[in-house]
Amino acid sequence: MNMLHLVLGSLRQHLGSSLLAAASIAVGVALLLAVTSLREQAHTQFTQVGLGVDAVLGPKGSPLQITLNALYHLEEMPGTVPWSSYQEIRKHPVVADGFVFVTGHSYAGFRVNAVEQRFLNEFEYLPGRRFSTATADGGSGRMFTDEHEAVAGADVARALGLQLGHSFSPVCGVKEEGGHHHDEHVKFVGILAPTGTPHDRAIYMPLEDFYTLGGHGEAVADMAKHTEHRVISGAYLKLARIRGNAFHPGVQQLQYEINQSTTTQFILPAEVMPRLFAIIGWVDRVLLAVGGLVAALAAAFLGFALLATLRERRRDLALLRALGARRQTIFTLVLSQALVISLAGAVAGWVGGHALTWVGCHYVHAETGMRFSPWFYSSADFWLLPTTILLGLLAGLIPAIQAYRLGLLTTLKPQS
């Protein structure tokens, strides 16, 4: 009988405790893997090249709130920016390009943003990637060219079952309940190809058309024709670059000058988003600590389970010694059980961790529009398996040493 048969036979005899130990290890591994994967993907996705935006020109208010509204269609914009301020900043030599936007409307829970037509044709949401309605890319229809027309992001179209020609009435405010439904019916003339960004969760309509929507009043309607009276929610800015793709040295000075204004501020998303992770970083640490604690308790449970098994099988192990098995063989037998249990728990935890990540990906996508992958290989994929196996071997070390020291005469002595 070889070592494998001995190990499997022992595990079968104590199947309940072995499965419980493996399940405990799996839970700890799954938690650690899922938290690490989602955390690393969030850091990558929420700080990636600003989603094609180098800077955001916004009103006075929380930079984080403005960034979340402008880039991720979350929160609300705390104010407006005068069109004249944007035009002045747009002429600055450090600013290579700009795309204005107006937020504050919604439809069926999705944001409706007013933008210039060139935003859909020229804006690069990722380096070298522009919006498309081409069927080959997964879109349909065309970009808007006239008033009362709109295009929908891929997720909006999928969630609402939109078809070309469907119409809707924008709602003032970002919540479906309350707000004023405008009388106009805006028609969907295009559905954007999936981008894998929050832009998939937005609806875009013409900027000038926004000002003329019923219910805005004459003062707002006048903004469509007279730009000197116009206000916007903000603008996406592309900044000039120098050698090495670094920002132009004048960016910091421009930021300082704009932020002295009483109406506008200059925000660099690459500076703001890391602050968000610094604020909520304690959540990561708590979840990682919980996962680590579960894994440590699982290892302790494994050690106790092996000790209990050893007490039950003392005579069996002594008989093996009497039949010629060496002390090293008994030591290896007990340690192999710990190895098999920890390996099974690690593999099950790896599968369970990616399953938890899959659930988390759907939740993140529904809330932010960001597409995370359940099969993203985080740093945990590379260190969790060997660490778990090592932890299992350490847990089995004490029972294995006790088995190694097992005395034949004492153990096999007849019991009254």
Protein backbone atom coordinates (compact mmCIF):
# COMPACT_ATOMS: atom_id res chain seq x y z
CA MET A 1 0.00 0.00 0.00
CA ASN A 2 1.58 3.30 -1.06
CA MET A 3 1.46 6.69 0.65
CA LEU A 4 -1.35 8.05 -1.54
CA HIS A 5 -3.66 5.18 -0.58
CA LEU A 6 -2.88 5.72 3.08
CA VAL A 7 -3.61 9.45 2.88
CA LEU A 8 -6.86 9.01 0.96
CA GLY A 9 -7.97 6.25 3.30
CA SER A 10 -7.38 8.45 6.33
CA LEU A 11 -9.27 11.35 4.75
CA ARG A 12 -12.22 9.08 3.94
CA GLN A 13 -12.36 7.86 7.53
CA HIS A 14 -12.58 11.45 8.75
CA LEU A 15 -14.42 12.93 5.79
CA GLY A 16 -16.56 15.36 7.79
CA SER A 17 -13.75 17.10 9.61
CA SER A 18 -11.57 17.11 6.48
CA LEU A 19 -14.28 18.76 4.36
CA LEU A 20 -15.00 21.31 7.09
CA ALA A 21 -11.31 22.23 7.33
CA ALA A 22 -11.02 22.54 3.54
CA ALA A 23 -14.21 24.64 3.38
CA SER A 24 -12.89 27.00 6.07
CA ILE A 25 -9.68 27.50 4.12
CA ALA A 26 -11.68 28.03 0.91
CA VAL A 27 -13.77 30.80 2.49
CA GLY A 28 -10.68 32.70 3.61
CA VAL A 29 -8.95 32.31 0.25
CA ALA A 30 -12.10 33.35 -1.67
CA LEU A 31 -12.52 36.53 0.40
CA LEU A 32 -8.88 37.53 0.04
CA LEU A 33 -8.87 36.83 -3.70
CA ALA A 34 -12.12 38.68 -4.45
CA VAL A 35 -11.20 41.74 -2.39
CA THR A 36 -7.73 41.95 -3.94
CA SER A 37 -9.01 41.50 -7.49
CA LEU A 38 -11.77 44.12 -7.20
CA ARG A 39 -9.44 46.52 -5.42
CA GLU A 40 -6.69 46.30 -8.04
CA GLN A 41 -9.15 46.57 -10.94
CA ALA A 42 -10.80 49.58 -9.32
CA HIS A 43 -7.45 51.31 -8.95
CA THR A 44 -6.65 50.58 -12.59
CA GLN A 45 -10.02 51.51 -14.05
CA PHE A 46 -10.74 54.62 -11.99
CA THR A 47 -7.34 56.13 -12.63
CA GLN A 48 -6.82 55.12 -16.26
CA VAL A 49 -5.90 58.16 -18.34
CA GLY A 50 -8.93 60.00 -16.90
CA LEU A 51 -11.21 58.18 -19.37
CA GLY A 52 -9.80 60.37 -22.11
CA VAL A 53 -9.99 63.52 -19.96
CA ASP A 54 -6.85 65.29 -18.81
CA ALA A 55 -8.74 67.90 -16.77
CA VAL A 56 -12.27 68.94 -15.93
CA LEU A 57 -13.40 72.56 -15.87
CA GLY A 58 -16.20 72.73 -13.34
CA PRO A 59 -18.01 75.05 -10.92
CA LYS A 60 -16.89 75.72 -7.38
CA GLY A 61 -17.56 72.74 -5.13
CA SER A 62 -16.14 69.39 -4.16
CA PRO A 63 -13.54 68.27 -6.75
CA LEU A 64 -14.46 64.64 -6.05
CA GLN A 65 -18.17 65.30 -6.56
CA ILE A 66 -17.50 67.11 -9.83
CA THR A 67 -15.18 64.35 -11.08
CA LEU A 68 -17.71 61.63 -10.25
CA ASN A 69 -20.44 63.57 -12.04
CA ALA A 70 -18.42 64.49 -15.12
CA LEU A 71 -16.65 61.17 -15.70
CA TYR A 72 -18.78 58.51 -14.03
CA HIS A 73 -22.31 59.97 -14.19
CA LEU A 74 -22.64 59.82 -10.42
CA GLU A 75 -23.53 62.52 -7.88
CA GLU A 76 -24.83 65.93 -9.03
CA MET A 77 -23.02 68.98 -10.34
CA PRO A 78 -22.90 71.63 -7.58
CA GLY A 79 -23.29 74.60 -9.94
CA THR A 80 -22.68 75.98 -13.41
CA VAL A 81 -19.81 77.48 -15.38
CA PRO A 82 -20.22 80.66 -17.49
CA TRP A 83 -19.68 79.98 -21.18
CA SER A 84 -17.42 83.03 -21.36
CA SER A 85 -15.09 81.48 -18.77
CA TYR A 86 -14.83 78.32 -20.83
CA GLN A 87 -14.13 80.27 -24.01
CA GLU A 88 -11.37 82.22 -22.31
CA ILE A 89 -9.74 79.09 -20.91
CA ARG A 90 -10.12 77.28 -24.23
CA LYS A 91 -7.84 79.87 -25.85
CA HIS A 92 -5.03 79.22 -23.37
CA PRO A 93 -1.98 77.66 -25.10
CA VAL A 94 -1.83 74.86 -22.51
CA VAL A 95 -5.36 73.69 -23.44
CA ALA A 96 -5.25 71.59 -26.62
CA ASP A 97 -8.99 70.93 -26.90
CA GLY A 98 -12.23 71.13 -24.96
CA PHE A 99 -15.68 69.52 -24.99
CA VAL A 100 -18.49 71.16 -23.04
CA PHE A 101 -21.32 69.25 -21.38
CA VAL A 102 -24.52 69.95 -19.45
CA THR A 103 -25.79 67.48 -16.87
CA GLY A 104 -28.79 67.40 -14.55
CA HIS A 105 -31.38 65.52 -16.63
CA SER A 106 -32.28 61.85 -16.70
CA TYR A 107 -34.55 59.24 -18.20
CA ALA A 108 -35.57 55.95 -16.54
CA GLY A 109 -32.73 56.27 -14.06
CA PHE A 110 -30.02 57.00 -16.63
CA ARG A 111 -28.30 60.36 -17.03
CA VAL A 112 -29.11 62.54 -20.04
CA ASN A 113 -26.17 64.77 -20.94
CA ALA A 114 -26.21 67.57 -23.48
CA VAL A 115 -23.05 67.77 -25.59
CA GLU A 116 -21.81 69.29 -28.82
CA GLN A 117 -21.92 67.04 -31.87
CA ARG A 118 -18.14 67.08 -32.12
CA PHE A 119 -17.95 65.32 -28.75
CA LEU A 120 -19.41 62.16 -30.30
CA ASN A 121 -17.24 62.46 -33.42
CA GLU A 122 -13.89 63.66 -32.08
CA PHE A 123 -13.62 62.81 -28.37
CA GLU A 124 -11.26 59.91 -27.54
CA TYR A 125 -12.63 58.16 -24.45
CA LEU A 126 -9.47 56.03 -24.47
CA PRO A 127 -6.29 56.62 -26.49
CA GLY A 128 -7.15 56.05 -30.15
CA ARG A 129 -10.77 55.06 -29.39
CA ARG A 130 -13.76 57.17 -30.42
CA PHE A 131 -17.51 56.66 -30.19
CA SER A 132 -19.10 54.66 -32.97
CA THR A 133 -22.55 53.64 -34.11
CA ALA A 134 -21.24 51.27 -36.77
CA THR A 135 -22.88 47.85 -36.82
CA ALA A 136 -19.46 46.20 -37.11
CA ASP A 137 -18.52 47.74 -33.75
CA GLY A 138 -21.74 46.70 -32.05
CA GLY A 139 -23.69 49.94 -32.51
CA SER A 140 -26.58 50.96 -34.74
CA GLY A 141 -28.09 54.03 -36.35
CA ARG A 142 -26.18 57.32 -36.52
CA MET A 143 -25.04 60.26 -34.42
CA PHE A 144 -27.58 63.03 -33.80
CA THR A 145 -27.57 65.86 -36.34
CA ASP A 146 -30.79 67.74 -35.58
CA GLU A 147 -32.89 68.91 -32.65
CA HIS A 148 -35.00 66.43 -30.68
CA GLU A 149 -32.53 63.62 -31.49
CA ALA A 150 -30.39 61.59 -29.13
CA VAL A 151 -28.03 58.62 -28.96
CA ALA A 152 -27.98 56.05 -26.17
CA GLY A 153 -25.05 54.25 -24.60
CA ALA A 154 -24.88 50.48 -25.03
CA ASP A 155 -25.93 49.70 -21.45
CA VAL A 156 -28.87 52.10 -21.60
CA ALA A 157 -30.16 50.50 -24.79
CA ARG A 158 -29.75 47.01 -23.36
CA ALA A 159 -31.39 47.80 -20.02
CA LEU A 160 -34.36 49.66 -21.50
CA GLY A 161 -34.74 47.56 -24.66
CA LEU A 162 -34.39 50.65 -26.83
CA GLN A 163 -34.77 50.53 -30.57
CA LEU A 164 -34.04 53.18 -33.17
CA GLY A 165 -37.02 55.51 -33.46
CA HIS A 166 -38.09 55.17 -29.82
CA SER A 167 -38.68 58.52 -28.13
CA PHE A 168 -38.48 59.80 -24.56
CA SER A 169 -39.10 62.92 -22.49
CA PRO A 170 -36.13 64.10 -20.41
CA VAL A 171 -36.69 64.63 -16.70
CA CYS A 172 -35.25 67.55 -14.74
CA GLY A 173 -33.08 66.00 -12.05
CA VAL A 174 -31.17 62.74 -11.83
CA LYS A 175 -33.95 60.74 -10.17
CA GLU A 176 -37.01 59.37 -11.88
CA GLU A 177 -39.35 60.32 -9.05
CA GLY A 178 -40.19 64.02 -8.87
CA GLY A 179 -38.79 66.45 -11.40
CA HIS A 180 -40.56 67.91 -14.37
CA HIS A 181 -41.13 65.92 -17.54
CA HIS A 182 -40.50 68.14 -20.53
CA ASP A 183 -43.20 68.18 -23.17
CA GLU A 184 -40.80 67.45 -26.03
CA HIS A 185 -40.27 63.91 -27.23
CA VAL A 186 -36.65 63.26 -28.13
CA LYS A 187 -36.07 60.43 -30.61
CA PHE A 188 -33.25 57.90 -30.43
CA VAL A 189 -31.43 57.91 -33.75
CA GLY A 190 -28.37 55.95 -32.68
CA ILE A 191 -27.05 53.43 -30.19
CA LEU A 192 -23.35 53.69 -29.38
CA ALA A 193 -21.10 50.68 -29.63
CA PRO A 194 -19.97 49.35 -26.22
CA THR A 195 -16.97 51.19 -24.82
CA GLY A 196 -16.50 49.43 -21.48
CA THR A 197 -16.64 52.83 -19.75
CA PRO A 198 -19.32 54.83 -17.89
CA HIS A 199 -20.26 56.41 -21.24
CA ASP A 200 -22.24 53.22 -21.90
CA ARG A 201 -24.66 54.29 -19.13
CA ALA A 202 -25.52 57.73 -20.51
CA ILE A 203 -27.81 59.29 -23.09
CA TYR A 204 -26.50 62.19 -25.19
CA MET A 205 -28.54 64.92 -26.84
CA PRO A 206 -27.56 68.15 -28.69
CA LEU A 207 -26.36 71.02 -26.51
CA GLU A 208 -28.47 73.71 -28.20
CA ASP A 209 -31.53 71.47 -28.05
CA PHE A 210 -31.17 71.24 -24.28
CA TYR A 211 -31.64 74.97 -23.75
CA THR A 212 -34.89 75.01 -25.72
CA LEU A 213 -36.59 72.19 -23.79
CA GLY A 214 -39.97 73.20 -22.43
CA GLY A 215 -40.03 74.12 -18.78
CA HIS A 216 -36.62 75.79 -18.75
CA GLY A 217 -38.05 79.26 -19.20
CA GLU A 218 -37.22 82.09 -21.57
CA ALA A 219 -33.92 82.96 -19.91
CA VAL A 220 -32.55 79.47 -20.56
CA ALA A 221 -34.05 79.33 -24.05
CA ASP A 222 -32.21 82.57 -24.85
CA MET A 223 -28.90 80.75 -24.17
CA ALA A 224 -29.35 78.66 -27.30
CA LYS A 225 -28.93 81.77 -29.48
CA HIS A 226 -26.88 84.12 -27.31
CA THR A 227 -23.79 82.37 -26.03
CA GLU A 228 -22.79 85.36 -23.89
CA HIS A 229 -25.65 84.40 -21.54
CA ARG A 230 -25.01 80.68 -21.71
CA VAL A 231 -23.97 78.52 -18.76
CA ILE A 232 -22.74 74.93 -18.84
CA SER A 233 -22.10 72.24 -16.24
CA GLY A 234 -18.45 71.95 -17.21
CA ALA A 235 -16.01 70.91 -19.90
CA TYR A 236 -13.64 68.04 -20.61
CA LEU A 237 -10.20 69.45 -21.34
CA LYS A 238 -7.34 67.94 -23.31
CA LEU A 239 -4.01 69.44 -22.27
CA ALA A 240 -0.88 70.09 -24.28
CA ARG A 241 1.87 67.51 -23.89
CA ILE A 242 5.63 67.66 -24.13
CA ARG A 243 8.31 65.05 -24.66
CA GLY A 244 7.58 61.78 -22.86
CA ASN A 245 3.82 62.49 -23.00
CA ALA A 246 4.10 64.59 -19.83
CA PHE A 247 1.80 67.54 -19.23
CA HIS A 248 2.96 70.96 -20.36
CA PRO A 249 4.82 72.76 -17.52
CA GLY A 250 2.22 75.54 -17.60
CA VAL A 251 -0.59 73.25 -16.38
CA GLN A 252 0.08 73.93 -12.68
CA GLN A 253 0.11 77.68 -13.26
CA LEU A 254 -3.15 77.45 -15.25
CA GLN A 255 -4.73 75.42 -12.46
CA TYR A 256 -3.69 78.03 -9.90
CA GLU A 257 -5.06 80.91 -11.99
CA ILE A 258 -8.42 79.26 -12.65
CA ASN A 259 -8.88 78.22 -9.04
CA GLN A 260 -8.55 81.86 -7.94
CA SER A 261 -11.85 82.48 -9.73
CA THR A 262 -15.08 82.68 -7.75
CA THR A 263 -17.05 80.69 -10.33
CA THR A 264 -14.82 77.97 -11.81
CA GLN A 265 -12.15 75.47 -10.84
CA PHE A 266 -9.64 73.33 -12.70
CA ILE A 267 -9.61 69.67 -11.65
CA LEU A 268 -7.12 66.97 -12.57
CA PRO A 269 -8.89 63.59 -12.20
CA ALA A 270 -5.51 61.86 -11.88
CA GLU A 271 -5.03 63.78 -8.62
CA VAL A 272 -8.58 63.48 -7.31
CA MET A 273 -9.33 59.77 -7.75
CA PRO A 274 -6.34 58.51 -5.72
CA ARG A 275 -7.69 60.62 -2.85
CA LEU A 276 -10.94 58.68 -3.06
CA PHE A 277 -9.05 55.41 -2.61
CA ALA A 278 -7.12 56.94 0.26
CA ILE A 279 -10.43 57.82 1.93
CA ILE A 280 -12.05 54.41 1.46
CA GLY A 281 -8.81 52.46 1.81
CA TRP A 282 -9.79 51.36 5.30
CA VAL A 283 -12.59 49.28 3.76
CA ASP A 284 -10.01 47.31 1.75
CA ARG A 285 -7.88 46.82 4.84
CA VAL A 286 -10.82 45.64 6.94
CA LEU A 287 -11.96 43.13 4.30
CA LEU A 288 -8.41 41.88 3.80
CA ALA A 289 -8.03 41.54 7.57
CA VAL A 290 -11.28 39.58 7.78
CA GLY A 291 -10.16 37.26 4.99
CA GLY A 292 -6.76 36.79 6.61
CA LEU A 293 -8.37 36.08 9.99
CA VAL A 294 -10.68 33.49 8.44
CA ALA A 295 -7.71 31.82 6.73
CA ALA A 296 -5.70 31.81 9.98
CA LEU A 297 -8.63 30.34 11.92
CA ALA A 298 -9.06 27.74 9.18
CA ALA A 299 -5.40 26.76 9.54
CA ALA A 300 -5.84 26.48 13.31
CA PHE A 301 -8.95 24.37 12.81
CA LEU A 302 -7.00 22.15 10.43
CA GLY A 303 -4.32 21.65 13.07
CA PHE A 304 -6.90 20.71 15.72
CA ALA A 305 -8.67 18.37 13.28
CA LEU A 306 -5.41 16.57 12.56
CA LEU A 307 -4.66 16.30 16.28
CA ALA A 308 -8.11 14.79 16.85
CA THR A 309 -7.53 12.38 13.98
CA LEU A 310 -4.16 11.44 15.44
CA ARG A 311 -5.72 10.59 18.81
CA GLU A 312 -8.28 8.37 17.10
CA ARG A 313 -5.69 6.61 14.93
CA ARG A 314 -2.86 6.20 17.43
CA ARG A 315 -3.19 2.40 17.45
CA ASP A 316 -3.46 2.26 13.65
CA LEU A 317 -0.29 4.29 13.26
CA ALA A 318 1.46 2.17 15.89
CA LEU A 319 0.49 -0.98 13.97
CA LEU A 320 2.01 0.53 10.84
CA ARG A 321 5.20 1.07 12.80
CA ALA A 322 5.08 -2.52 14.03
CA LEU A 323 4.69 -3.72 10.44
CA GLY A 324 7.90 -1.95 9.45
CA ALA A 325 6.88 1.65 8.68
CA ARG A 326 9.58 4.13 9.66
CA ARG A 327 9.01 7.22 11.79
CA GLN A 328 9.61 9.39 8.71
CA THR A 329 6.78 7.56 6.92
CA ILE A 330 4.32 8.30 9.72
CA PHE A 331 5.49 11.94 9.82
CA THR A 332 5.02 12.26 6.05
CA LEU A 333 1.59 10.61 6.23
CA VAL A 334 0.18 13.17 8.66
CA LEU A 335 1.85 16.08 6.90
CA SER A 336 0.49 14.87 3.54
CA GLN A 337 -3.04 14.95 4.93
CA ALA A 338 -2.54 18.59 5.85
CA LEU A 339 -1.13 19.26 2.38
CA VAL A 340 -4.08 17.61 0.59
CA ILE A 341 -6.66 19.44 2.72
CA SER A 342 -4.99 22.84 2.33
CA LEU A 343 -4.50 22.30 -1.42
CA ALA A 344 -8.16 21.33 -1.85
CA GLY A 345 -9.22 24.39 0.16
CA ALA A 346 -6.93 26.66 -1.86
CA VAL A 347 -8.26 25.41 -5.21
CA ALA A 348 -11.88 25.65 -4.05
CA GLY A 349 -11.15 29.13 -2.68
CA TRP A 350 -9.59 30.19 -5.98
CA VAL A 351 -12.74 29.15 -7.86
CA GLY A 352 -14.98 30.71 -5.21
CA GLY A 353 -12.92 33.91 -5.22
CA HIS A 354 -13.39 34.41 -8.94
CA ALA A 355 -17.10 33.62 -8.53
CA LEU A 356 -17.34 36.35 -5.87
CA THR A 357 -15.43 38.68 -8.20
CA TRP A 358 -17.96 37.91 -10.94
CA VAL A 359 -20.79 38.99 -8.63
CA GLY A 360 -18.84 42.10 -7.67
CA CYS A 361 -18.18 42.92 -11.34
CA HIS A 362 -21.91 42.97 -12.09
CA TYR A 363 -22.57 45.22 -9.11
CA VAL A 364 -19.77 47.65 -10.03
CA HIS A 365 -20.92 47.75 -13.65
CA ALA A 366 -24.52 48.44 -12.65
CA GLU A 367 -23.46 51.30 -10.37
CA THR A 368 -20.63 52.91 -12.34
CA GLY A 369 -20.64 51.53 -15.88
CA MET A 370 -17.06 50.28 -15.45
CA ARG A 371 -16.44 46.78 -16.78
CA PHE A 372 -14.39 44.60 -14.44
CA SER A 373 -13.31 41.09 -15.38
CA PRO A 374 -13.96 38.10 -13.07
CA TRP A 375 -10.87 36.48 -14.60
CA PHE A 376 -8.57 39.38 -13.90
CA TYR A 377 -5.32 37.98 -12.48
CA SER A 378 -4.47 40.02 -9.42
CA SER A 379 -1.39 39.71 -7.25
CA ALA A 380 -3.39 37.39 -4.97
CA ASP A 381 -3.60 34.78 -7.73
CA PHE A 382 0.15 34.37 -7.52
CA TRP A 383 0.79 34.42 -3.75
CA LEU A 384 -2.39 32.96 -2.22
CA LEU A 385 -1.93 29.37 -3.42
CA PRO A 386 1.65 28.88 -2.17
CA THR A 387 0.88 30.80 1.03
CA THR A 388 -2.19 28.66 1.76
CA ILE A 389 -0.24 25.45 1.17
CA LEU A 390 2.55 26.68 3.45
CA LEU A 391 0.00 27.65 6.11
CA GLY A 392 -1.56 24.17 5.87
CA LEU A 393 1.83 22.49 6.23
CA LEU A 394 2.59 24.62 9.30
CA ALA A 395 -0.79 23.64 10.76
CA GLY A 396 0.02 19.98 10.22
CA LEU A 397 3.54 20.23 11.60
CA ILE A 398 2.67 19.74 15.31
CA PRO A 399 0.40 16.70 14.68
CA ALA A 400 3.08 15.26 12.39
CA ILE A 401 5.77 15.67 15.09
CA GLN A 402 3.52 13.99 17.65
CA ALA A 403 2.94 11.13 15.24
CA TYR A 404 6.70 10.90 14.70
CA ARG A 405 7.26 10.54 18.48
CA LEU A 406 4.52 7.94 18.89
CA GLY A 407 5.71 5.11 21.17
CA LEU A 408 4.94 1.53 20.13
CA LEU A 409 4.83 -0.16 23.53
CA THR A 410 2.70 2.50 25.19
CA THR A 411 0.25 2.73 22.31
CA LEU A 412 -0.18 -1.02 21.69
CA LYS A 413 -0.39 -1.93 25.39
CA PRO A 414 -3.67 -3.83 26.00
CA GLN A 415 -6.43 -1.61 27.34
CA SER A 416 -8.60 -2.89 30.20
